[in-house]
């Protein structure tokens, strides 16, 4: 769902500002099964991580989806927030 160019842009931006990832901790998660919407239906999982980088910290939210007939989950959203980007 997210083009490779977008992932590369985000990864480059984070690495340029914050350096290499040092550690991460799962802060929270949520699961919703049997969601029925027009375009996206199935099971949704949201994972929220606190992340530590060489030059600062951040919080990342990753949204996964598995359609009713799909075998695997897919990443459909990635949100990154850090005081270094304010």
N, C-alpha and C. Protein backbone atom coordinates (compact mmCIF):
# COMPACT_ATOMS: atom_id res chain seq x y z
N UNK A 1 0.82 -1.20 0.00
CA UNK A 1 0.00 0.00 0.00
C UNK A 1 0.86 1.26 0.00
N UNK A 2 2.05 1.17 0.58
CA UNK A 2 2.95 2.32 0.60
C UNK A 2 4.07 2.06 -0.40
N UNK A 3 4.26 2.97 -1.36
CA UNK A 3 5.32 2.77 -2.35
C UNK A 3 6.70 2.71 -1.71
N UNK A 4 7.60 1.93 -2.29
CA UNK A 4 8.96 1.78 -1.78
C UNK A 4 9.66 3.12 -1.67
N UNK A 5 9.40 4.03 -2.61
CA UNK A 5 10.04 5.36 -2.57
C UNK A 5 9.67 6.11 -1.29
N UNK A 6 8.41 5.96 -0.85
CA UNK A 6 7.97 6.63 0.38
C UNK A 6 8.68 6.05 1.60
N UNK A 7 8.81 4.72 1.67
CA UNK A 7 9.52 4.08 2.78
C UNK A 7 10.98 4.54 2.79
N UNK A 8 11.60 4.58 1.62
CA UNK A 8 13.01 5.01 1.53
C UNK A 8 13.17 6.45 1.98
N UNK A 9 12.23 7.32 1.59
CA UNK A 9 12.28 8.73 1.99
C UNK A 9 12.18 8.87 3.51
N UNK A 10 11.22 8.17 4.12
CA UNK A 10 11.05 8.23 5.58
C UNK A 10 12.29 7.72 6.29
N UNK A 11 12.80 6.56 5.86
CA UNK A 11 13.99 5.97 6.50
C UNK A 11 15.19 6.90 6.39
N UNK A 12 15.37 7.52 5.23
CA UNK A 12 16.49 8.45 5.04
C UNK A 12 16.34 9.69 5.91
N UNK A 13 15.15 10.23 5.99
CA UNK A 13 14.89 11.41 6.81
C UNK A 13 15.17 11.14 8.29
N UNK A 14 14.67 10.00 8.79
CA UNK A 14 14.87 9.64 10.20
C UNK A 14 16.35 9.40 10.47
N UNK A 15 17.03 8.67 9.60
CA UNK A 15 18.44 8.38 9.80
C UNK A 15 19.29 9.64 9.75
N UNK A 16 18.96 10.57 8.85
CA UNK A 16 19.72 11.81 8.74
C UNK A 16 19.59 12.65 10.02
N UNK A 17 18.39 12.74 10.57
CA UNK A 17 18.16 13.55 11.77
C UNK A 17 18.54 12.86 13.07
N UNK A 18 18.25 11.55 13.16
CA UNK A 18 18.38 10.86 14.45
C UNK A 18 19.48 9.82 14.51
N UNK A 19 20.08 9.47 13.40
CA UNK A 19 21.12 8.45 13.40
C UNK A 19 20.52 7.06 13.40
N UNK A 20 21.31 6.09 13.81
CA UNK A 20 20.88 4.69 13.81
C UNK A 20 19.96 4.37 14.98
N UNK A 21 19.04 3.46 14.74
CA UNK A 21 18.15 2.98 15.80
C UNK A 21 18.98 2.23 16.83
N UNK A 22 18.81 2.57 18.10
CA UNK A 22 19.54 1.92 19.19
C UNK A 22 18.68 0.88 19.91
N UNK A 23 17.40 1.23 20.14
CA UNK A 23 16.50 0.31 20.83
C UNK A 23 15.05 0.73 20.60
N UNK A 24 14.15 -0.20 20.88
CA UNK A 24 12.73 0.11 20.78
C UNK A 24 11.97 -0.74 21.80
N UNK A 25 10.85 -0.19 22.26
CA UNK A 25 10.01 -0.86 23.25
C UNK A 25 8.56 -0.74 22.81
N UNK A 26 7.84 -1.85 22.81
CA UNK A 26 6.42 -1.81 22.48
C UNK A 26 5.68 -1.12 23.63
N UNK A 27 5.06 0.01 23.32
CA UNK A 27 4.37 0.79 24.34
C UNK A 27 2.90 0.36 24.47
N UNK A 28 2.26 0.09 23.33
CA UNK A 28 0.84 -0.23 23.35
C UNK A 28 0.48 -0.95 22.05
N UNK A 29 -0.62 -1.66 22.06
CA UNK A 29 -1.11 -2.30 20.85
C UNK A 29 -2.63 -2.43 20.93
N UNK A 30 -3.23 -2.58 19.76
CA UNK A 30 -4.68 -2.71 19.70
C UNK A 30 -5.01 -3.61 18.51
N UNK A 31 -6.04 -4.44 18.64
CA UNK A 31 -6.48 -5.29 17.55
C UNK A 31 -7.98 -5.16 17.38
N UNK A 32 -8.42 -5.09 16.13
CA UNK A 32 -9.85 -5.06 15.81
C UNK A 32 -10.10 -6.12 14.74
N UNK A 33 -10.94 -7.07 15.05
CA UNK A 33 -11.24 -8.15 14.12
C UNK A 33 -12.61 -7.93 13.48
N UNK A 34 -12.74 -8.40 12.25
CA UNK A 34 -14.03 -8.36 11.57
C UNK A 34 -14.51 -6.98 11.19
N UNK A 35 -13.58 -6.04 10.98
CA UNK A 35 -13.95 -4.68 10.59
C UNK A 35 -14.43 -4.71 9.14
N UNK A 36 -15.56 -4.08 8.87
CA UNK A 36 -16.11 -4.05 7.52
C UNK A 36 -16.22 -2.61 7.05
N UNK A 37 -15.39 -2.27 6.06
CA UNK A 37 -15.44 -0.96 5.43
C UNK A 37 -15.47 -1.19 3.92
N UNK A 38 -15.64 -0.14 3.16
CA UNK A 38 -15.72 -0.27 1.70
C UNK A 38 -14.45 -0.88 1.11
N UNK A 39 -13.32 -0.20 1.28
CA UNK A 39 -12.08 -0.61 0.61
C UNK A 39 -11.21 -1.53 1.45
N UNK A 40 -11.22 -1.36 2.75
CA UNK A 40 -10.36 -2.14 3.64
C UNK A 40 -11.23 -2.85 4.68
N UNK A 41 -11.24 -4.16 4.61
CA UNK A 41 -12.03 -4.94 5.57
C UNK A 41 -11.20 -6.12 6.04
N UNK A 42 -11.34 -6.44 7.32
CA UNK A 42 -10.60 -7.57 7.87
C UNK A 42 -10.17 -7.31 9.29
N UNK A 43 -8.95 -7.72 9.62
CA UNK A 43 -8.38 -7.55 10.95
C UNK A 43 -7.32 -6.46 10.91
N UNK A 44 -7.38 -5.53 11.85
CA UNK A 44 -6.43 -4.44 11.94
C UNK A 44 -5.67 -4.53 13.26
N UNK A 45 -4.37 -4.30 13.20
CA UNK A 45 -3.52 -4.28 14.39
C UNK A 45 -2.74 -2.97 14.37
N UNK A 46 -2.72 -2.27 15.49
CA UNK A 46 -1.93 -1.04 15.63
C UNK A 46 -0.88 -1.30 16.71
N UNK A 47 0.38 -1.06 16.36
CA UNK A 47 1.50 -1.22 17.29
C UNK A 47 2.14 0.15 17.51
N UNK A 48 2.36 0.51 18.77
CA UNK A 48 3.00 1.79 19.09
C UNK A 48 4.29 1.51 19.84
N UNK A 49 5.39 2.00 19.29
CA UNK A 49 6.72 1.78 19.85
C UNK A 49 7.35 3.09 20.30
N UNK A 50 8.01 3.06 21.45
CA UNK A 50 8.94 4.13 21.82
C UNK A 50 10.29 3.72 21.24
N UNK A 51 10.94 4.64 20.54
CA UNK A 51 12.19 4.33 19.87
C UNK A 51 13.31 5.25 20.35
N UNK A 52 14.50 4.70 20.46
CA UNK A 52 15.68 5.46 20.85
C UNK A 52 16.70 5.37 19.70
N UNK A 53 17.15 6.54 19.28
CA UNK A 53 18.15 6.64 18.21
C UNK A 53 19.43 7.25 18.77
N UNK A 54 20.45 7.30 17.96
CA UNK A 54 21.73 7.88 18.39
C UNK A 54 21.57 9.30 18.93
N UNK A 55 20.75 10.12 18.25
CA UNK A 55 20.69 11.55 18.58
C UNK A 55 19.34 12.00 19.11
N UNK A 56 18.48 11.08 19.50
CA UNK A 56 17.18 11.49 20.03
C UNK A 56 16.23 10.31 20.11
N UNK A 57 15.00 10.63 20.46
CA UNK A 57 14.00 9.58 20.62
C UNK A 57 12.80 9.87 19.74
N UNK A 58 11.91 8.91 19.68
CA UNK A 58 10.71 9.09 18.88
C UNK A 58 9.64 8.10 19.29
N UNK A 59 8.52 8.19 18.62
CA UNK A 59 7.45 7.23 18.81
C UNK A 59 6.95 6.85 17.42
N UNK A 60 6.79 5.55 17.19
CA UNK A 60 6.35 5.07 15.89
C UNK A 60 5.07 4.26 16.05
N UNK A 61 4.16 4.51 15.13
CA UNK A 61 2.87 3.80 15.12
C UNK A 61 2.78 3.07 13.78
N UNK A 62 2.62 1.77 13.84
CA UNK A 62 2.54 0.95 12.64
C UNK A 62 1.17 0.29 12.60
N UNK A 63 0.48 0.44 11.48
CA UNK A 63 -0.84 -0.16 11.31
C UNK A 63 -0.74 -1.30 10.31
N UNK A 64 -1.21 -2.47 10.74
CA UNK A 64 -1.20 -3.67 9.91
C UNK A 64 -2.64 -4.07 9.60
N UNK A 65 -2.83 -4.73 8.44
CA UNK A 65 -4.15 -5.21 8.07
C UNK A 65 -4.04 -6.57 7.41
N UNK A 66 -4.98 -7.43 7.73
CA UNK A 66 -5.12 -8.70 7.03
C UNK A 66 -6.56 -8.79 6.57
N UNK A 67 -6.75 -8.78 5.25
CA UNK A 67 -8.09 -8.87 4.70
C UNK A 67 -8.74 -10.20 5.03
N UNK A 68 -10.04 -10.27 4.89
CA UNK A 68 -10.78 -11.48 5.22
C UNK A 68 -10.21 -12.72 4.52
N UNK A 69 -9.75 -12.57 3.29
CA UNK A 69 -9.29 -13.72 2.52
C UNK A 69 -7.77 -13.77 2.39
N UNK A 70 -7.06 -12.84 3.04
CA UNK A 70 -5.60 -12.79 2.95
C UNK A 70 -4.96 -13.79 3.90
N UNK A 71 -3.76 -14.21 3.54
CA UNK A 71 -2.98 -15.11 4.40
C UNK A 71 -2.13 -14.35 5.39
N UNK A 72 -1.59 -13.21 4.96
CA UNK A 72 -0.62 -12.47 5.77
C UNK A 72 -1.10 -11.05 6.04
N UNK A 73 -0.50 -10.46 7.06
CA UNK A 73 -0.72 -9.05 7.35
C UNK A 73 0.13 -8.20 6.41
N UNK A 74 -0.35 -7.00 6.11
CA UNK A 74 0.39 -6.01 5.34
C UNK A 74 0.47 -4.73 6.14
N UNK A 75 1.56 -4.01 6.00
CA UNK A 75 1.68 -2.70 6.63
C UNK A 75 0.90 -1.72 5.76
N UNK A 76 -0.09 -1.06 6.35
CA UNK A 76 -0.86 -0.09 5.59
C UNK A 76 -0.66 1.34 6.09
N UNK A 77 0.07 1.49 7.21
CA UNK A 77 0.33 2.83 7.71
C UNK A 77 1.53 2.84 8.64
N UNK A 78 2.27 3.95 8.57
CA UNK A 78 3.44 4.14 9.44
C UNK A 78 3.51 5.61 9.78
N UNK A 79 3.46 5.92 11.07
CA UNK A 79 3.52 7.30 11.53
C UNK A 79 4.71 7.42 12.46
N UNK A 80 5.54 8.45 12.25
CA UNK A 80 6.71 8.66 13.08
C UNK A 80 6.64 10.06 13.66
N UNK A 81 6.89 10.18 14.97
CA UNK A 81 6.89 11.49 15.64
C UNK A 81 8.13 11.57 16.54
N UNK A 82 8.75 12.74 16.52
CA UNK A 82 9.93 12.97 17.37
C UNK A 82 10.07 14.46 17.62
N UNK A 83 10.52 14.85 18.82
CA UNK A 83 10.80 16.26 19.09
C UNK A 83 11.86 16.83 18.13
N UNK A 84 12.69 15.98 17.56
CA UNK A 84 13.71 16.43 16.63
C UNK A 84 13.11 16.95 15.32
N UNK A 85 11.84 16.69 15.06
CA UNK A 85 11.18 17.13 13.84
C UNK A 85 10.27 18.33 14.08
N UNK A 86 10.27 18.85 15.29
CA UNK A 86 9.40 20.00 15.61
C UNK A 86 9.98 21.30 15.12
